[in-house]
Amino acid sequence: MKIIGVSLLLFGSVIALSVGIDLFQGTNLLQALYNALSPFRVMEVAELFVLFSLLFFFFAESLYLVLKKRQQKQQ
């Protein structure tokens, strides 16, 4: 769970930094959010497949480790 929490915290911090820099440059909030999320809009099908595969394996491994730890705790 720590890995997922740290990863989400880092992702949120980087997005906030990106949006903050865009706001300091004079763009409005909507355009700043669009700029922060635009790399995900131009991805091809193969790139999206790899992205979602990696995310799936990351969360699946984390879930497996949590369940394994919980099972060992019960024994």
N, C-alpha and C. Protein backbone atom coordinates (compact mmCIF):
# COMPACT_ATOMS: atom_id res chain seq x y z
N MET A 1 0.81 -1.19 0.00
CA MET A 1 0.00 0.00 0.00
C MET A 1 0.86 1.26 0.00
N LYS A 2 2.03 1.18 0.65
CA LYS A 2 2.90 2.35 0.68
C LYS A 2 3.35 2.73 -0.72
N ILE A 3 3.64 1.73 -1.54
CA ILE A 3 4.13 1.99 -2.89
C ILE A 3 3.05 2.71 -3.70
N ILE A 4 1.82 2.25 -3.60
CA ILE A 4 0.72 2.89 -4.33
C ILE A 4 0.53 4.32 -3.82
N GLY A 5 0.55 4.50 -2.52
CA GLY A 5 0.37 5.83 -1.94
C GLY A 5 1.47 6.80 -2.36
N VAL A 6 2.70 6.34 -2.32
CA VAL A 6 3.83 7.19 -2.72
C VAL A 6 3.74 7.51 -4.20
N SER A 7 3.39 6.52 -5.02
CA SER A 7 3.27 6.75 -6.46
C SER A 7 2.18 7.77 -6.77
N LEU A 8 1.04 7.65 -6.13
CA LEU A 8 -0.05 8.62 -6.34
C LEU A 8 0.34 10.00 -5.82
N LEU A 9 1.04 10.05 -4.70
CA LEU A 9 1.49 11.33 -4.16
C LEU A 9 2.47 12.01 -5.12
N LEU A 10 3.41 11.24 -5.66
CA LEU A 10 4.36 11.81 -6.61
C LEU A 10 3.67 12.26 -7.89
N PHE A 11 2.73 11.46 -8.39
CA PHE A 11 2.00 11.84 -9.60
C PHE A 11 1.23 13.13 -9.38
N GLY A 12 0.54 13.22 -8.25
CA GLY A 12 -0.21 14.43 -7.94
C GLY A 12 0.70 15.64 -7.78
N SER A 13 1.86 15.44 -7.17
CA SER A 13 2.79 16.55 -6.98
C SER A 13 3.35 17.04 -8.32
N VAL A 14 3.67 16.12 -9.20
CA VAL A 14 4.20 16.51 -10.51
C VAL A 14 3.14 17.23 -11.33
N ILE A 15 1.91 16.74 -11.30
CA ILE A 15 0.82 17.41 -12.03
C ILE A 15 0.59 18.80 -11.44
N ALA A 16 0.60 18.92 -10.11
CA ALA A 16 0.40 20.22 -9.47
C ALA A 16 1.53 21.18 -9.84
N LEU A 17 2.75 20.69 -9.88
CA LEU A 17 3.88 21.52 -10.27
C LEU A 17 3.73 22.00 -11.71
N SER A 18 3.35 21.09 -12.59
CA SER A 18 3.15 21.44 -13.99
C SER A 18 2.05 22.48 -14.16
N VAL A 19 0.93 22.28 -13.47
CA VAL A 19 -0.17 23.23 -13.55
C VAL A 19 0.25 24.57 -12.94
N GLY A 20 0.98 24.53 -11.84
CA GLY A 20 1.44 25.76 -11.21
C GLY A 20 2.37 26.57 -12.10
N ILE A 21 3.28 25.90 -12.78
CA ILE A 21 4.18 26.59 -13.70
C ILE A 21 3.39 27.21 -14.85
N ASP A 22 2.43 26.47 -15.37
CA ASP A 22 1.60 27.02 -16.45
C ASP A 22 0.81 28.23 -15.98
N LEU A 23 0.30 28.19 -14.75
CA LEU A 23 -0.46 29.33 -14.23
C LEU A 23 0.44 30.55 -14.05
N PHE A 24 1.69 30.34 -13.60
CA PHE A 24 2.62 31.46 -13.46
C PHE A 24 2.99 32.05 -14.81
N GLN A 25 2.91 31.25 -15.87
CA GLN A 25 3.22 31.76 -17.20
C GLN A 25 2.04 32.52 -17.81
N GLY A 26 0.91 32.50 -17.16
CA GLY A 26 -0.21 33.32 -17.59
C GLY A 26 -1.35 32.57 -18.27
N THR A 27 -1.33 31.26 -18.30
CA THR A 27 -2.45 30.53 -18.89
C THR A 27 -3.55 30.38 -17.85
N ASN A 28 -4.76 30.15 -18.32
CA ASN A 28 -5.86 29.93 -17.37
C ASN A 28 -5.83 28.49 -16.87
N LEU A 29 -6.63 28.20 -15.87
CA LEU A 29 -6.59 26.89 -15.22
C LEU A 29 -6.97 25.77 -16.17
N LEU A 30 -7.98 25.98 -16.99
CA LEU A 30 -8.42 24.93 -17.92
C LEU A 30 -7.33 24.58 -18.92
N GLN A 31 -6.66 25.58 -19.45
CA GLN A 31 -5.57 25.34 -20.40
C GLN A 31 -4.38 24.67 -19.70
N ALA A 32 -4.11 25.04 -18.46
CA ALA A 32 -3.01 24.43 -17.70
C ALA A 32 -3.29 22.95 -17.46
N LEU A 33 -4.52 22.61 -17.11
CA LEU A 33 -4.87 21.19 -16.92
C LEU A 33 -4.79 20.43 -18.24
N TYR A 34 -5.22 21.06 -19.31
CA TYR A 34 -5.13 20.42 -20.63
C TYR A 34 -3.67 20.15 -20.99
N ASN A 35 -2.79 21.11 -20.72
CA ASN A 35 -1.37 20.92 -21.02
C ASN A 35 -0.77 19.81 -20.18
N ALA A 36 -1.21 19.67 -18.94
CA ALA A 36 -0.66 18.64 -18.05
C ALA A 36 -1.09 17.25 -18.49
N LEU A 37 -2.30 17.13 -19.03
CA LEU A 37 -2.83 15.82 -19.41
C LEU A 37 -2.75 15.53 -20.90
N SER A 38 -2.24 16.45 -21.69
CA SER A 38 -2.23 16.26 -23.14
C SER A 38 -1.34 15.11 -23.63
N PRO A 39 -0.25 14.73 -22.95
CA PRO A 39 0.52 13.59 -23.45
C PRO A 39 -0.30 12.30 -23.54
N PHE A 40 -1.31 12.17 -22.68
CA PHE A 40 -2.14 10.98 -22.71
C PHE A 40 -3.14 11.02 -23.86
N ARG A 41 -3.40 12.19 -24.42
CA ARG A 41 -4.38 12.34 -25.50
C ARG A 41 -3.80 11.98 -26.86
N VAL A 42 -2.51 12.07 -27.03
CA VAL A 42 -1.90 11.84 -28.34
C VAL A 42 -1.28 10.44 -28.46
N MET A 43 -1.51 9.59 -27.48
CA MET A 43 -0.93 8.25 -27.52
C MET A 43 -1.64 7.38 -28.55
N GLU A 44 -0.86 6.53 -29.19
CA GLU A 44 -1.42 5.58 -30.15
C GLU A 44 -1.96 4.38 -29.38
N VAL A 45 -2.62 3.49 -30.08
CA VAL A 45 -3.24 2.32 -29.46
C VAL A 45 -2.19 1.44 -28.78
N ALA A 46 -1.08 1.21 -29.45
CA ALA A 46 -0.03 0.36 -28.87
C ALA A 46 0.55 0.99 -27.60
N GLU A 47 0.74 2.30 -27.60
CA GLU A 47 1.26 2.97 -26.42
C GLU A 47 0.27 2.91 -25.27
N LEU A 48 -1.00 3.07 -25.56
CA LEU A 48 -2.02 2.96 -24.52
C LEU A 48 -2.08 1.55 -23.96
N PHE A 49 -1.93 0.55 -24.83
CA PHE A 49 -1.93 -0.84 -24.38
C PHE A 49 -0.77 -1.09 -23.41
N VAL A 50 0.41 -0.60 -23.75
CA VAL A 50 1.57 -0.77 -22.88
C VAL A 50 1.36 -0.03 -21.56
N LEU A 51 0.84 1.19 -21.62
CA LEU A 51 0.59 1.97 -20.41
C LEU A 51 -0.37 1.24 -19.48
N PHE A 52 -1.50 0.80 -20.02
CA PHE A 52 -2.49 0.13 -19.17
C PHE A 52 -2.00 -1.24 -18.71
N SER A 53 -1.19 -1.91 -19.51
CA SER A 53 -0.62 -3.19 -19.08
C SER A 53 0.31 -2.98 -17.89
N LEU A 54 1.17 -1.98 -17.98
CA LEU A 54 2.09 -1.71 -16.88
C LEU A 54 1.34 -1.29 -15.62
N LEU A 55 0.32 -0.47 -15.79
CA LEU A 55 -0.50 -0.09 -14.62
C LEU A 55 -1.20 -1.29 -14.02
N PHE A 56 -1.73 -2.17 -14.87
CA PHE A 56 -2.40 -3.37 -14.38
C PHE A 56 -1.43 -4.25 -13.59
N PHE A 57 -0.25 -4.49 -14.15
CA PHE A 57 0.73 -5.33 -13.46
C PHE A 57 1.18 -4.70 -12.15
N PHE A 58 1.31 -3.38 -12.12
CA PHE A 58 1.70 -2.68 -10.90
C PHE A 58 0.66 -2.88 -9.80
N PHE A 59 -0.61 -2.65 -10.14
CA PHE A 59 -1.67 -2.80 -9.14
C PHE A 59 -1.92 -4.26 -8.78
N ALA A 60 -1.77 -5.16 -9.76
CA ALA A 60 -1.97 -6.58 -9.48
C ALA A 60 -0.89 -7.10 -8.53
N GLU A 61 0.35 -6.69 -8.74
CA GLU A 61 1.42 -7.12 -7.85
C GLU A 61 1.23 -6.55 -6.45
N SER A 62 0.82 -5.30 -6.36
CA SER A 62 0.58 -4.69 -5.06
C SER A 62 -0.55 -5.40 -4.32
N LEU A 63 -1.62 -5.72 -5.03
CA LEU A 63 -2.74 -6.44 -4.43
C LEU A 63 -2.30 -7.84 -3.98
N TYR A 64 -1.51 -8.52 -4.80
CA TYR A 64 -1.01 -9.85 -4.45
C TYR A 64 -0.17 -9.79 -3.17
N LEU A 65 0.70 -8.79 -3.07
CA LEU A 65 1.55 -8.69 -1.89
C LEU A 65 0.72 -8.39 -0.64
N VAL A 66 -0.29 -7.56 -0.77
CA VAL A 66 -1.16 -7.24 0.38
C VAL A 66 -1.91 -8.49 0.82
N LEU A 67 -2.46 -9.23 -0.13
CA LEU A 67 -3.20 -10.45 0.22
C LEU A 67 -2.28 -11.50 0.82
N LYS A 68 -1.07 -11.62 0.29
CA LYS A 68 -0.11 -12.59 0.82
C LYS A 68 0.29 -12.22 2.25
N LYS A 69 0.50 -10.94 2.49
CA LYS A 69 0.87 -10.48 3.82
C LYS A 69 -0.28 -10.71 4.80
N ARG A 70 -1.50 -10.44 4.36
CA ARG A 70 -2.68 -10.65 5.21
C ARG A 70 -2.84 -12.13 5.53
N GLN A 71 -2.60 -13.00 4.55
CA GLN A 71 -2.75 -14.44 4.74
C GLN A 71 -1.69 -14.96 5.72
N GLN A 72 -0.47 -14.44 5.63
CA GLN A 72 0.57 -14.86 6.55
C GLN A 72 0.27 -14.38 7.97
N LYS A 73 -0.37 -13.24 8.09
CA LYS A 73 -0.72 -12.69 9.39
C LYS A 73 -1.77 -13.56 10.08
N GLN A 74 -2.69 -14.15 9.29
CA GLN A 74 -3.75 -14.97 9.85
C GLN A 74 -3.24 -16.34 10.32
N GLN A 75 -2.15 -16.80 9.76
CA GLN A 75 -1.64 -18.14 10.15
C GLN A 75 -0.89 -18.12 11.40
